[in-house]
PDB file of all heavy atoms in Angstrom:
ATOM      1  N   HIS A   1      -1.885   0.754 -10.703  1.00  0.00           N
ATOM      2  CA  HIS A   1      -1.134   1.704 -11.510  1.00  0.00           C
ATOM      3  C   HIS A   1      -0.411   2.726 -10.625  1.00  0.00           C
ATOM      4  O   HIS A   1       0.793   2.958 -10.766  1.00  0.00           O
ATOM      5  CB  HIS A   1      -2.088   2.405 -12.465  1.00  0.00           C
ATOM      6  CG  HIS A   1      -1.424   3.358 -13.409  1.00  0.00           C
ATOM      7  ND1 HIS A   1      -1.262   4.680 -13.120  1.00  0.00           N
ATOM      8  CD2 HIS A   1      -0.882   3.167 -14.633  1.00  0.00           C
ATOM      9  CE1 HIS A   1      -0.646   5.278 -14.119  1.00  0.00           C
ATOM     10  NE2 HIS A   1      -0.407   4.397 -15.051  1.00  0.00           N
ATOM     11  N   LEU A   2      -1.137   3.329  -9.693  1.00  0.00           N
ATOM     12  CA  LEU A   2      -0.532   4.325  -8.807  1.00  0.00           C
ATOM     13  C   LEU A   2       0.498   3.681  -7.892  1.00  0.00           C
ATOM     14  O   LEU A   2       1.547   4.270  -7.606  1.00  0.00           O
ATOM     15  CB  LEU A   2      -1.614   5.024  -7.985  1.00  0.00           C
ATOM     16  CG  LEU A   2      -1.112   6.122  -7.038  1.00  0.00           C
ATOM     17  CD1 LEU A   2      -0.420   7.237  -7.818  1.00  0.00           C
ATOM     18  CD2 LEU A   2      -2.272   6.686  -6.213  1.00  0.00           C
ATOM     19  N   HIS A   3       0.205   2.472  -7.436  1.00  0.00           N
ATOM     20  CA  HIS A   3       1.151   1.750  -6.591  1.00  0.00           C
ATOM     21  C   HIS A   3       2.470   1.524  -7.338  1.00  0.00           C
ATOM     22  O   HIS A   3       3.555   1.799  -6.806  1.00  0.00           O
ATOM     23  CB  HIS A   3       0.542   0.406  -6.176  1.00  0.00           C
ATOM     24  CG  HIS A   3       1.419  -0.405  -5.272  1.00  0.00           C
ATOM     25  ND1 HIS A   3       1.309  -0.374  -3.909  1.00  0.00           N
ATOM     26  CD2 HIS A   3       2.430  -1.282  -5.551  1.00  0.00           C
ATOM     27  CE1 HIS A   3       2.209  -1.196  -3.377  1.00  0.00           C
ATOM     28  NE2 HIS A   3       2.896  -1.753  -4.355  1.00  0.00           N
ATOM     29  N   ALA A   4       2.380   1.044  -8.582  1.00  0.00           N
ATOM     30  CA  ALA A   4       3.591   0.774  -9.369  1.00  0.00           C
ATOM     31  C   ALA A   4       4.337   2.058  -9.700  1.00  0.00           C
ATOM     32  O   ALA A   4       5.572   2.105  -9.668  1.00  0.00           O
ATOM     33  CB  ALA A   4       3.218   0.033 -10.652  1.00  0.00           C
ATOM     34  N   TYR A   5       3.588   3.104 -10.017  1.00  0.00           N
ATOM     35  CA  TYR A   5       4.214   4.394 -10.309  1.00  0.00           C
ATOM     36  C   TYR A   5       4.985   4.903  -9.088  1.00  0.00           C
ATOM     37  O   TYR A   5       6.142   5.344  -9.189  1.00  0.00           O
ATOM     38  CB  TYR A   5       3.147   5.416 -10.713  1.00  0.00           C
ATOM     39  CG  TYR A   5       3.660   6.832 -10.766  1.00  0.00           C
ATOM     40  CD1 TYR A   5       4.363   7.301 -11.871  1.00  0.00           C
ATOM     41  CD2 TYR A   5       3.435   7.711  -9.702  1.00  0.00           C
ATOM     42  CE1 TYR A   5       4.841   8.605 -11.916  1.00  0.00           C
ATOM     43  CE2 TYR A   5       3.914   9.010  -9.740  1.00  0.00           C
ATOM     44  CZ  TYR A   5       4.612   9.448 -10.845  1.00  0.00           C
ATOM     45  OH  TYR A   5       5.086  10.740 -10.875  1.00  0.00           O
ATOM     46  N   THR A   6       4.345   4.838  -7.924  1.00  0.00           N
ATOM     47  CA  THR A   6       4.987   5.327  -6.704  1.00  0.00           C
ATOM     48  C   THR A   6       6.220   4.506  -6.370  1.00  0.00           C
ATOM     49  O   THR A   6       7.250   5.047  -5.949  1.00  0.00           O
ATOM     50  CB  THR A   6       3.989   5.298  -5.540  1.00  0.00           C
ATOM     51  OG1 THR A   6       2.820   6.048  -5.906  1.00  0.00           O
ATOM     52  CG2 THR A   6       4.609   5.883  -4.286  1.00  0.00           C
ATOM     53  N   ARG A   7       6.140   3.191  -6.582  1.00  0.00           N
ATOM     54  CA  ARG A   7       7.313   2.348  -6.340  1.00  0.00           C
ATOM     55  C   ARG A   7       8.449   2.737  -7.293  1.00  0.00           C
ATOM     56  O   ARG A   7       9.626   2.754  -6.908  1.00  0.00           O
ATOM     57  CB  ARG A   7       6.940   0.873  -6.518  1.00  0.00           C
ATOM     58  CG  ARG A   7       8.106  -0.091  -6.284  1.00  0.00           C
ATOM     59  CD  ARG A   7       8.699   0.086  -4.895  1.00  0.00           C
ATOM     60  NE  ARG A   7      10.022  -0.505  -4.810  1.00  0.00           N
ATOM     61  CZ  ARG A   7      10.257  -1.755  -4.400  1.00  0.00           C
ATOM     62  NH1 ARG A   7       9.240  -2.524  -4.042  1.00  0.00           N
ATOM     63  NH2 ARG A   7      11.478  -2.208  -4.337  1.00  0.00           N
ATOM     64  N   ALA A   8       8.107   3.086  -8.531  1.00  0.00           N
ATOM     65  CA  ALA A   8       9.129   3.527  -9.486  1.00  0.00           C
ATOM     66  C   ALA A   8       9.757   4.841  -9.039  1.00  0.00           C
ATOM     67  O   ALA A   8      10.975   5.047  -9.183  1.00  0.00           O
ATOM     68  CB  ALA A   8       8.519   3.671 -10.880  1.00  0.00           C
ATOM     69  N   VAL A   9       8.957   5.742  -8.486  1.00  0.00           N
ATOM     70  CA  VAL A   9       9.476   7.004  -7.972  1.00  0.00           C
ATOM     71  C   VAL A   9      10.428   6.747  -6.803  1.00  0.00           C
ATOM     72  O   VAL A   9      11.509   7.332  -6.708  1.00  0.00           O
ATOM     73  CB  VAL A   9       8.313   7.925  -7.538  1.00  0.00           C
ATOM     74  CG1 VAL A   9       8.832   9.144  -6.778  1.00  0.00           C
ATOM     75  CG2 VAL A   9       7.506   8.376  -8.749  1.00  0.00           C
ATOM     76  N   ILE A  10      10.029   5.849  -5.903  1.00  0.00           N
ATOM     77  CA  ILE A  10      10.873   5.488  -4.757  1.00  0.00           C
ATOM     78  C   ILE A  10      12.217   4.946  -5.230  1.00  0.00           C
ATOM     79  O   ILE A  10      13.282   5.337  -4.728  1.00  0.00           O
ATOM     80  CB  ILE A  10      10.141   4.460  -3.869  1.00  0.00           C
ATOM     81  CG1 ILE A  10       8.930   5.105  -3.194  1.00  0.00           C
ATOM     82  CG2 ILE A  10      11.087   3.865  -2.828  1.00  0.00           C
ATOM     83  CD1 ILE A  10       8.002   4.114  -2.517  1.00  0.00           C
ATOM     84  N   ASP A  11      12.167   4.055  -6.193  1.00  0.00           N
ATOM     85  CA  ASP A  11      13.401   3.461  -6.717  1.00  0.00           C
ATOM     86  C   ASP A  11      14.256   4.498  -7.436  1.00  0.00           C
ATOM     87  O   ASP A  11      15.487   4.488  -7.335  1.00  0.00           O
ATOM     88  CB  ASP A  11      13.068   2.311  -7.667  1.00  0.00           C
ATOM     89  CG  ASP A  11      12.459   1.119  -6.954  1.00  0.00           C
ATOM     90  OD1 ASP A  11      12.582   1.046  -5.712  1.00  0.00           O
ATOM     91  OD2 ASP A  11      11.837   0.270  -7.627  1.00  0.00           O
ATOM     92  N   ARG A  12      13.597   5.380  -8.169  1.00  0.00           N
ATOM     93  CA  ARG A  12      14.314   6.392  -8.945  1.00  0.00           C
ATOM     94  C   ARG A  12      15.208   7.257  -8.059  1.00  0.00           C
ATOM     95  O   ARG A  12      16.349   7.567  -8.397  1.00  0.00           O
ATOM     96  CB  ARG A  12      13.299   7.282  -9.666  1.00  0.00           C
ATOM     97  CG  ARG A  12      13.886   8.495 -10.375  1.00  0.00           C
ATOM     98  CD  ARG A  12      14.525   8.117 -11.684  1.00  0.00           C
ATOM     99  NE  ARG A  12      15.007   9.283 -12.406  1.00  0.00           N
ATOM    100  CZ  ARG A  12      15.413   9.257 -13.665  1.00  0.00           C
ATOM    101  NH1 ARG A  12      15.360   8.121 -14.341  1.00  0.00           N
ATOM    102  NH2 ARG A  12      15.862  10.339 -14.251  1.00  0.00           N
ATOM    103  N   TYR A  13      14.687   7.629  -6.884  1.00  0.00           N
ATOM    104  CA  TYR A  13      15.433   8.523  -6.006  1.00  0.00           C
ATOM    105  C   TYR A  13      16.110   7.802  -4.842  1.00  0.00           C
ATOM    106  O   TYR A  13      16.682   8.460  -3.966  1.00  0.00           O
ATOM    107  CB  TYR A  13      14.496   9.610  -5.465  1.00  0.00           C
ATOM    108  CG  TYR A  13      13.870  10.433  -6.571  1.00  0.00           C
ATOM    109  CD1 TYR A  13      12.508  10.354  -6.825  1.00  0.00           C
ATOM    110  CD2 TYR A  13      14.641  11.264  -7.372  1.00  0.00           C
ATOM    111  CE1 TYR A  13      11.932  11.086  -7.853  1.00  0.00           C
ATOM    112  CE2 TYR A  13      14.078  12.001  -8.408  1.00  0.00           C
ATOM    113  CZ  TYR A  13      12.727  11.900  -8.638  1.00  0.00           C
ATOM    114  OH  TYR A  13      12.157  12.621  -9.661  1.00  0.00           O
ATOM    115  N   GLY A  14      16.024   6.484  -4.827  1.00  0.00           N
ATOM    116  CA  GLY A  14      16.682   5.717  -3.769  1.00  0.00           C
ATOM    117  C   GLY A  14      16.118   6.026  -2.393  1.00  0.00           C
ATOM    118  O   GLY A  14      16.869   6.089  -1.410  1.00  0.00           O
ATOM    119  N   LEU A  15      14.809   6.184  -2.298  1.00  0.00           N
ATOM    120  CA  LEU A  15      14.185   6.530  -1.029  1.00  0.00           C
ATOM    121  C   LEU A  15      14.060   5.290  -0.141  1.00  0.00           C
ATOM    122  O   LEU A  15      13.871   4.178  -0.634  1.00  0.00           O
ATOM    123  CB  LEU A  15      12.802   7.140  -1.273  1.00  0.00           C
ATOM    124  CG  LEU A  15      12.762   8.361  -2.198  1.00  0.00           C
ATOM    125  CD1 LEU A  15      11.330   8.862  -2.354  1.00  0.00           C
ATOM    126  CD2 LEU A  15      13.663   9.470  -1.674  1.00  0.00           C
ATOM    127  N   PRO A  16      14.158   5.467   1.171  1.00  0.00           N
ATOM    128  CA  PRO A  16      14.028   4.324   2.085  1.00  0.00           C
ATOM    129  C   PRO A  16      12.614   3.749   2.076  1.00  0.00           C
ATOM    130  O   PRO A  16      11.656   4.444   2.404  1.00  0.00           O
ATOM    131  CB  PRO A  16      14.397   4.907   3.453  1.00  0.00           C
ATOM    132  CG  PRO A  16      14.216   6.381   3.310  1.00  0.00           C
ATOM    133  CD  PRO A  16      14.482   6.715   1.890  1.00  0.00           C
ATOM    134  N   LEU A  17      12.500   2.488   1.679  1.00  0.00           N
ATOM    135  CA  LEU A  17      11.211   1.810   1.581  1.00  0.00           C
ATOM    136  C   LEU A  17      11.044   0.872   2.775  1.00  0.00           C
ATOM    137  O   LEU A  17      11.861  -0.009   3.002  1.00  0.00           O
ATOM    138  CB  LEU A  17      11.144   1.019   0.276  1.00  0.00           C
ATOM    139  CG  LEU A  17       9.891   0.182   0.021  1.00  0.00           C
ATOM    140  CD1 LEU A  17       8.658   1.070  -0.095  1.00  0.00           C
ATOM    141  CD2 LEU A  17      10.063  -0.668  -1.234  1.00  0.00           C
ATOM    142  N   GLU A  18       9.964   1.053   3.531  1.00  0.00           N
ATOM    143  CA  GLU A  18       9.724   0.248   4.724  1.00  0.00           C
ATOM    144  C   GLU A  18       8.696  -0.849   4.502  1.00  0.00           C
ATOM    145  O   GLU A  18       8.742  -1.886   5.167  1.00  0.00           O
ATOM    146  CB  GLU A  18       9.266   1.138   5.879  1.00  0.00           C
ATOM    147  CG  GLU A  18      10.299   2.164   6.315  1.00  0.00           C
ATOM    148  CD  GLU A  18       9.809   3.002   7.475  1.00  0.00           C
ATOM    149  OE1 GLU A  18       8.738   2.684   8.042  1.00  0.00           O
ATOM    150  OE2 GLU A  18      10.492   3.970   7.832  1.00  0.00           O
ATOM    151  N   ALA A  19       7.760  -0.624   3.588  1.00  0.00           N
ATOM    152  CA  ALA A  19       6.724  -1.630   3.348  1.00  0.00           C
ATOM    153  C   ALA A  19       6.215  -1.498   1.921  1.00  0.00           C
ATOM    154  O   ALA A  19       6.043  -0.399   1.408  1.00  0.00           O
ATOM    155  CB  ALA A  19       5.559  -1.463   4.333  1.00  0.00           C
ATOM    156  N   ASP A  20       5.982  -2.656   1.297  1.00  0.00           N
ATOM    157  CA  ASP A  20       5.455  -2.711  -0.068  1.00  0.00           C
ATOM    158  C   ASP A  20       4.556  -3.935  -0.141  1.00  0.00           C
ATOM    159  O   ASP A  20       5.036  -5.068  -0.230  1.00  0.00           O
ATOM    160  CB  ASP A  20       6.604  -2.811  -1.073  1.00  0.00           C
ATOM    161  CG  ASP A  20       6.110  -2.870  -2.522  1.00  0.00           C
ATOM    162  OD1 ASP A  20       4.879  -2.850  -2.738  1.00  0.00           O
ATOM    163  OD2 ASP A  20       6.956  -2.938  -3.433  1.00  0.00           O
ATOM    164  N   GLU A  21       3.243  -3.708  -0.050  1.00  0.00           N
ATOM    165  CA  GLU A  21       2.280  -4.806  -0.016  1.00  0.00           C
ATOM    166  C   GLU A  21       1.271  -4.664  -1.150  1.00  0.00           C
ATOM    167  O   GLU A  21       0.638  -3.610  -1.312  1.00  0.00           O
ATOM    168  CB  GLU A  21       1.541  -4.829   1.324  1.00  0.00           C
ATOM    169  CG  GLU A  21       2.405  -5.238   2.504  1.00  0.00           C
ATOM    170  CD  GLU A  21       2.803  -6.698   2.446  1.00  0.00           C
ATOM    171  OE1 GLU A  21       1.982  -7.509   1.981  1.00  0.00           O
ATOM    172  OE2 GLU A  21       3.932  -7.030   2.868  1.00  0.00           O
ATOM    173  N   ALA A  22       1.099  -5.712  -1.930  1.00  0.00           N
ATOM    174  CA  ALA A  22       0.183  -5.686  -3.071  1.00  0.00           C
ATOM    175  C   ALA A  22      -1.251  -6.041  -2.691  1.00  0.00           C
ATOM    176  O   ALA A  22      -2.174  -5.815  -3.474  1.00  0.00           O
ATOM    177  CB  ALA A  22       0.677  -6.659  -4.144  1.00  0.00           C
ATOM    178  N   ASP A  23      -1.460  -6.580  -1.479  1.00  0.00           N
ATOM    179  CA  ASP A  23      -2.800  -6.979  -1.047  1.00  0.00           C
ATOM    180  C   ASP A  23      -2.780  -7.094   0.476  1.00  0.00           C
ATOM    181  O   ASP A  23      -2.527  -8.164   1.020  1.00  0.00           O
ATOM    182  CB  ASP A  23      -3.201  -8.300  -1.692  1.00  0.00           C
ATOM    183  CG  ASP A  23      -4.621  -8.738  -1.342  1.00  0.00           C
ATOM    184  OD1 ASP A  23      -5.279  -8.050  -0.537  1.00  0.00           O
ATOM    185  OD2 ASP A  23      -5.068  -9.770  -1.877  1.00  0.00           O
ATOM    186  N   ILE A  24      -3.035  -6.008   1.164  1.00  0.00           N
ATOM    187  CA  ILE A  24      -2.824  -5.979   2.608  1.00  0.00           C
ATOM    188  C   ILE A  24      -3.759  -6.912   3.366  1.00  0.00           C
ATOM    189  O   ILE A  24      -3.405  -7.418   4.432  1.00  0.00           O
ATOM    190  CB  ILE A  24      -2.933  -4.555   3.179  1.00  0.00           C
ATOM    191  CG1 ILE A  24      -4.322  -3.957   2.922  1.00  0.00           C
ATOM    192  CG2 ILE A  24      -1.831  -3.662   2.624  1.00  0.00           C
ATOM    193  CD1 ILE A  24      -4.550  -2.620   3.635  1.00  0.00           C
ATOM    194  N   TYR A  25      -4.958  -7.151   2.827  1.00  0.00           N
ATOM    195  CA  TYR A  25      -5.879  -8.044   3.511  1.00  0.00           C
ATOM    196  C   TYR A  25      -5.621  -9.496   3.123  1.00  0.00           C
ATOM    197  O   TYR A  25      -5.656 -10.394   3.977  1.00  0.00           O
ATOM    198  CB  TYR A  25      -7.326  -7.651   3.205  1.00  0.00           C
ATOM    199  CG  TYR A  25      -7.669  -6.259   3.705  1.00  0.00           C
ATOM    200  CD1 TYR A  25      -7.894  -5.216   2.813  1.00  0.00           C
ATOM    201  CD2 TYR A  25      -7.738  -5.984   5.065  1.00  0.00           C
ATOM    202  CE1 TYR A  25      -8.191  -3.935   3.257  1.00  0.00           C
ATOM    203  CE2 TYR A  25      -8.032  -4.705   5.529  1.00  0.00           C
ATOM    204  CZ  TYR A  25      -8.247  -3.688   4.624  1.00  0.00           C
ATOM    205  OH  TYR A  25      -8.532  -2.417   5.064  1.00  0.00           O
ATOM    206  N   GLY A  26      -5.330  -9.727   1.861  1.00  0.00           N
ATOM    207  CA  GLY A  26      -5.049 -11.089   1.416  1.00  0.00           C
ATOM    208  C   GLY A  26      -3.790 -11.653   2.035  1.00  0.00           C
ATOM    209  O   GLY A  26      -3.693 -12.863   2.293  1.00  0.00           O
ATOM    210  N   SER A  27      -2.794 -10.794   2.299  1.00  0.00           N
ATOM    211  CA  SER A  27      -1.526 -11.252   2.877  1.00  0.00           C
ATOM    212  C   SER A  27      -1.538 -11.265   4.400  1.00  0.00           C
ATOM    213  O   SER A  27      -0.619 -11.764   5.029  1.00  0.00           O
ATOM    214  CB  SER A  27      -0.385 -10.333   2.411  1.00  0.00           C
ATOM    215  OG  SER A  27      -0.529  -9.032   2.973  1.00  0.00           O
ATOM    216  N   GLY A  28      -2.587 -10.664   4.981  1.00  0.00           N
ATOM    217  CA  GLY A  28      -2.653 -10.580   6.438  1.00  0.00           C
ATOM    218  C   GLY A  28      -1.791  -9.462   6.999  1.00  0.00           C
ATOM    219  O   GLY A  28      -1.570  -9.379   8.212  1.00  0.00           O
ATOM    220  N   PHE A  29      -1.304  -8.560   6.134  1.00  0.00           N
ATOM    221  CA  PHE A  29      -0.424  -7.478   6.576  1.00  0.00           C
ATOM    222  C   PHE A  29      -1.181  -6.382   7.325  1.00  0.00           C
ATOM    223  O   PHE A  29      -0.618  -5.687   8.172  1.00  0.00           O
ATOM    224  CB  PHE A  29       0.286  -6.869   5.362  1.00  0.00           C
ATOM    225  CG  PHE A  29       1.295  -5.816   5.707  1.00  0.00           C
ATOM    226  CD1 PHE A  29       2.583  -6.168   6.093  1.00  0.00           C
ATOM    227  CD2 PHE A  29       0.972  -4.462   5.646  1.00  0.00           C
ATOM    228  CE1 PHE A  29       3.523  -5.201   6.423  1.00  0.00           C
ATOM    229  CE2 PHE A  29       1.908  -3.490   5.964  1.00  0.00           C
ATOM    230  CZ  PHE A  29       3.193  -3.860   6.341  1.00  0.00           C
ATOM    231  N   ALA A  30      -2.468  -6.213   7.016  1.00  0.00           N
ATOM    232  CA  ALA A  30      -3.243  -5.110   7.588  1.00  0.00           C
ATOM    233  C   ALA A  30      -3.369  -5.239   9.102  1.00  0.00           C
ATOM    234  O   ALA A  30      -3.932  -6.209   9.608  1.00  0.00           O
ATOM    235  CB  ALA A  30      -4.620  -5.056   6.943  1.00  0.00           C
ATOM    236  N   ASP A  31      -2.831  -4.258   9.826  1.00  0.00           N
ATOM    237  CA  ASP A  31      -2.985  -4.217  11.267  1.00  0.00           C
ATOM    238  C   ASP A  31      -4.201  -3.365  11.615  1.00  0.00           C
ATOM    239  O   ASP A  31      -5.008  -3.023  10.748  1.00  0.00           O
ATOM    240  CB  ASP A  31      -1.706  -3.670  11.923  1.00  0.00           C
ATOM    241  CG  ASP A  31      -1.337  -2.278  11.403  1.00  0.00           C
ATOM    242  OD1 ASP A  31      -2.170  -1.647  10.715  1.00  0.00           O
ATOM    243  OD2 ASP A  31      -0.208  -1.828  11.684  1.00  0.00           O
ATOM    244  N   GLU A  32      -4.336  -2.992  12.879  1.00  0.00           N
ATOM    245  CA  GLU A  32      -5.513  -2.227  13.299  1.00  0.00           C
ATOM    246  C   GLU A  32      -5.583  -0.883  12.579  1.00  0.00           C
ATOM    247  O   GLU A  32      -6.662  -0.435  12.168  1.00  0.00           O
ATOM    248  CB  GLU A  32      -5.478  -2.001  14.813  1.00  0.00           C
ATOM    249  CG  GLU A  32      -6.710  -1.265  15.336  1.00  0.00           C
ATOM    250  CD  GLU A  32      -6.670  -1.042  16.832  1.00  0.00           C
ATOM    251  OE1 GLU A  32      -5.655  -1.395  17.455  1.00  0.00           O
ATOM    252  OE2 GLU A  32      -7.653  -0.502  17.375  1.00  0.00           O
ATOM    253  N   THR A  33      -4.428  -0.248  12.391  1.00  0.00           N
ATOM    254  CA  THR A  33      -4.405   1.052  11.728  1.00  0.00           C
ATOM    255  C   THR A  33      -4.761   0.934  10.257  1.00  0.00           C
ATOM    256  O   THR A  33      -5.596   1.679   9.731  1.00  0.00           O
ATOM    257  CB  THR A  33      -3.020   1.705  11.875  1.00  0.00           C
ATOM    258  OG1 THR A  33      -2.736   1.899  13.266  1.00  0.00           O
ATOM    259  CG2 THR A  33      -2.960   3.040  11.157  1.00  0.00           C
ATOM    260  N   LEU A  34      -4.153  -0.004   9.568  1.00  0.00           N
ATOM    261  CA  LEU A  34      -4.416  -0.171   8.140  1.00  0.00           C
ATOM    262  C   LEU A  34      -5.818  -0.695   7.872  1.00  0.00           C
ATOM    263  O   LEU A  34      -6.325  -0.579   6.762  1.00  0.00           O
ATOM    264  CB  LEU A  34      -3.389  -1.119   7.521  1.00  0.00           C
ATOM    265  CG  LEU A  34      -2.030  -0.512   7.193  1.00  0.00           C
ATOM    266  CD1 LEU A  34      -1.055  -1.588   6.731  1.00  0.00           C
ATOM    267  CD2 LEU A  34      -2.165   0.570   6.129  1.00  0.00           C
ATOM    268  N   SER A  35      -6.441  -1.273   8.886  1.00  0.00           N
ATOM    269  CA  SER A  35      -7.791  -1.828   8.703  1.00  0.00           C
ATOM    270  C   SER A  35      -8.889  -0.781   8.830  1.00  0.00           C
ATOM    271  O   SER A  35     -10.068  -1.098   8.633  1.00  0.00           O
ATOM    272  CB  SER A  35      -8.036  -2.959   9.714  1.00  0.00           C
ATOM    273  OG  SER A  35      -7.171  -4.050   9.446  1.00  0.00           O
ATOM    274  N   VAL A  36      -8.522   0.459   9.163  1.00  0.00           N
ATOM    275  CA  VAL A  36      -9.518   1.536   9.137  1.00  0.00           C
ATOM    276  C   VAL A  36      -9.956   1.702   7.685  1.00  0.00           C
ATOM    277  O   VAL A  36      -9.140   1.826   6.782  1.00  0.00           O
ATOM    278  CB  VAL A  36      -8.909   2.860   9.658  1.00  0.00           C
ATOM    279  CG1 VAL A  36      -9.930   3.988   9.528  1.00  0.00           C
ATOM    280  CG2 VAL A  36      -8.454   2.714  11.103  1.00  0.00           C
ATOM    281  N   LYS A  37     -11.246   1.698   7.455  1.00  0.00           N
ATOM    282  CA  LYS A  37     -11.757   1.709   6.072  1.00  0.00           C
ATOM    283  C   LYS A  37     -12.565   2.965   5.779  1.00  0.00           C
ATOM    284  O   LYS A  37     -13.430   3.356   6.559  1.00  0.00           O
ATOM    285  CB  LYS A  37     -12.626   0.475   5.819  1.00  0.00           C
ATOM    286  CG  LYS A  37     -11.879  -0.840   5.902  1.00  0.00           C
ATOM    287  CD  LYS A  37     -12.816  -2.002   5.627  1.00  0.00           C
ATOM    288  CE  LYS A  37     -12.076  -3.325   5.696  1.00  0.00           C
ATOM    289  NZ  LYS A  37     -11.576  -3.594   7.080  1.00  0.00           N
ATOM    290  N   THR A  38     -12.280   3.554   4.628  1.00  0.00           N
ATOM    291  CA  THR A  38     -13.116   4.644   4.133  1.00  0.00           C
ATOM    292  C   THR A  38     -14.294   4.023   3.376  1.00  0.00           C
ATOM    293  O   THR A  38     -14.301   2.830   3.081  1.00  0.00           O
ATOM    294  CB  THR A  38     -12.328   5.560   3.181  1.00  0.00           C
ATOM    295  OG1 THR A  38     -12.001   4.817   1.989  1.00  0.00           O
ATOM    296  CG2 THR A  38     -11.045   6.062   3.827  1.00  0.00           C
ATOM    297  N   ALA A  39     -15.267   4.866   3.041  1.00  0.00           N
ATOM    298  CA  ALA A  39     -16.411   4.369   2.268  1.00  0.00           C
ATOM    299  C   ALA A  39     -15.949   3.847   0.917  1.00  0.00           C
ATOM    300  O   ALA A  39     -16.425   2.819   0.434  1.00  0.00           O
ATOM    301  CB  ALA A  39     -17.436   5.485   2.095  1.00  0.00           C
ATOM    302  N   TYR A  40     -14.999   4.554   0.296  1.00  0.00           N
ATOM    303  CA  TYR A  40     -14.483   4.112  -0.994  1.00  0.00           C
ATOM    304  C   TYR A  40     -13.815   2.749  -0.868  1.00  0.00           C
ATOM    305  O   TYR A  40     -14.010   1.863  -1.694  1.00  0.00           O
ATOM    306  CB  TYR A  40     -13.468   5.119  -1.548  1.00  0.00           C
ATOM    307  CG  TYR A  40     -14.074   6.428  -1.998  1.00  0.00           C
ATOM    308  CD1 TYR A  40     -13.295   7.575  -2.067  1.00  0.00           C
ATOM    309  CD2 TYR A  40     -15.416   6.515  -2.366  1.00  0.00           C
ATOM    310  CE1 TYR A  40     -13.843   8.786  -2.484  1.00  0.00           C
ATOM    311  CE2 TYR A  40     -15.962   7.709  -2.780  1.00  0.00           C
ATOM    312  CZ  TYR A  40     -15.170   8.845  -2.839  1.00  0.00           C
ATOM    313  OH  TYR A  40     -15.713  10.028  -3.262  1.00  0.00           O
ATOM    314  N   GLU A  41     -13.014   2.584   0.168  1.00  0.00           N
ATOM    315  CA  GLU A  41     -12.306   1.318   0.337  1.00  0.00           C
ATOM    316  C   GLU A  41     -13.291   0.167   0.495  1.00  0.00           C
ATOM    317  O   GLU A  41     -13.086  -0.914  -0.082  1.00  0.00           O
ATOM    318  CB  GLU A  41     -11.387   1.380   1.556  1.00  0.00           C
ATOM    319  CG  GLU A  41     -10.621   0.093   1.802  1.00  0.00           C
ATOM    320  CD  GLU A  41      -9.634   0.204   2.938  1.00  0.00           C
ATOM    321  OE1 GLU A  41      -9.509   1.284   3.528  1.00  0.00           O
ATOM    322  OE2 GLU A  41      -8.967  -0.810   3.233  1.00  0.00           O
ATOM    323  N   SER A  42     -14.338   0.367   1.242  1.00  0.00           N
ATOM    324  CA  SER A  42     -15.330  -0.690   1.428  1.00  0.00           C
ATOM    325  C   SER A  42     -15.946  -1.093   0.092  1.00  0.00           C
ATOM    326  O   SER A  42     -16.168  -2.280  -0.175  1.00  0.00           O
ATOM    327  CB  SER A  42     -16.420  -0.221   2.400  1.00  0.00           C
ATOM    328  OG  SER A  42     -15.877   0.018   3.688  1.00  0.00           O
ATOM    329  N   ARG A  43     -16.210  -0.107  -0.764  1.00  0.00           N
ATOM    330  CA  ARG A  43     -16.766  -0.414  -2.080  1.00  0.00           C
ATOM    331  C   ARG A  43     -15.770  -1.206  -2.922  1.00  0.00           C
ATOM    332  O   ARG A  43     -16.143  -2.163  -3.610  1.00  0.00           O
ATOM    333  CB  ARG A  43     -17.139   0.877  -2.807  1.00  0.00           C
ATOM    334  CG  ARG A  43     -18.260   1.661  -2.157  1.00  0.00           C
ATOM    335  CD  ARG A  43     -18.556   2.915  -2.952  1.00  0.00           C
ATOM    336  NE  ARG A  43     -19.392   3.840  -2.208  1.00  0.00           N
ATOM    337  CZ  ARG A  43     -19.744   5.033  -2.662  1.00  0.00           C
ATOM    338  NH1 ARG A  43     -19.322   5.434  -3.851  1.00  0.00           N
ATOM    339  NH2 ARG A  43     -20.510   5.825  -1.932  1.00  0.00           N
ATOM    340  N   PHE A  44     -14.508  -0.790  -2.888  1.00  0.00           N
ATOM    341  CA  PHE A  44     -13.494  -1.494  -3.678  1.00  0.00           C
ATOM    342  C   PHE A  44     -13.356  -2.939  -3.214  1.00  0.00           C
ATOM    343  O   PHE A  44     -13.210  -3.860  -4.027  1.00  0.00           O
ATOM    344  CB  PHE A  44     -12.148  -0.776  -3.577  1.00  0.00           C
ATOM    345  CG  PHE A  44     -12.160   0.618  -4.147  1.00  0.00           C
ATOM    346  CD1 PHE A  44     -11.440   1.632  -3.543  1.00  0.00           C
ATOM    347  CD2 PHE A  44     -12.885   0.923  -5.286  1.00  0.00           C
ATOM    348  CE1 PHE A  44     -11.430   2.915  -4.057  1.00  0.00           C
ATOM    349  CE2 PHE A  44     -12.898   2.203  -5.813  1.00  0.00           C
ATOM    350  CZ  PHE A  44     -12.168   3.203  -5.196  1.00  0.00           C
TER     351      PHE A  44
END
């Protein structure tokens, strides 16, 4: 929900979008930085 809302905000104002990933681990997009996990993320 928040992802889609934020994408709508980006589109609304024509902001420069560099990356839009719906599943960073499933797609293999997660690099070393994105793979840092919070406790909440591990639970999710």
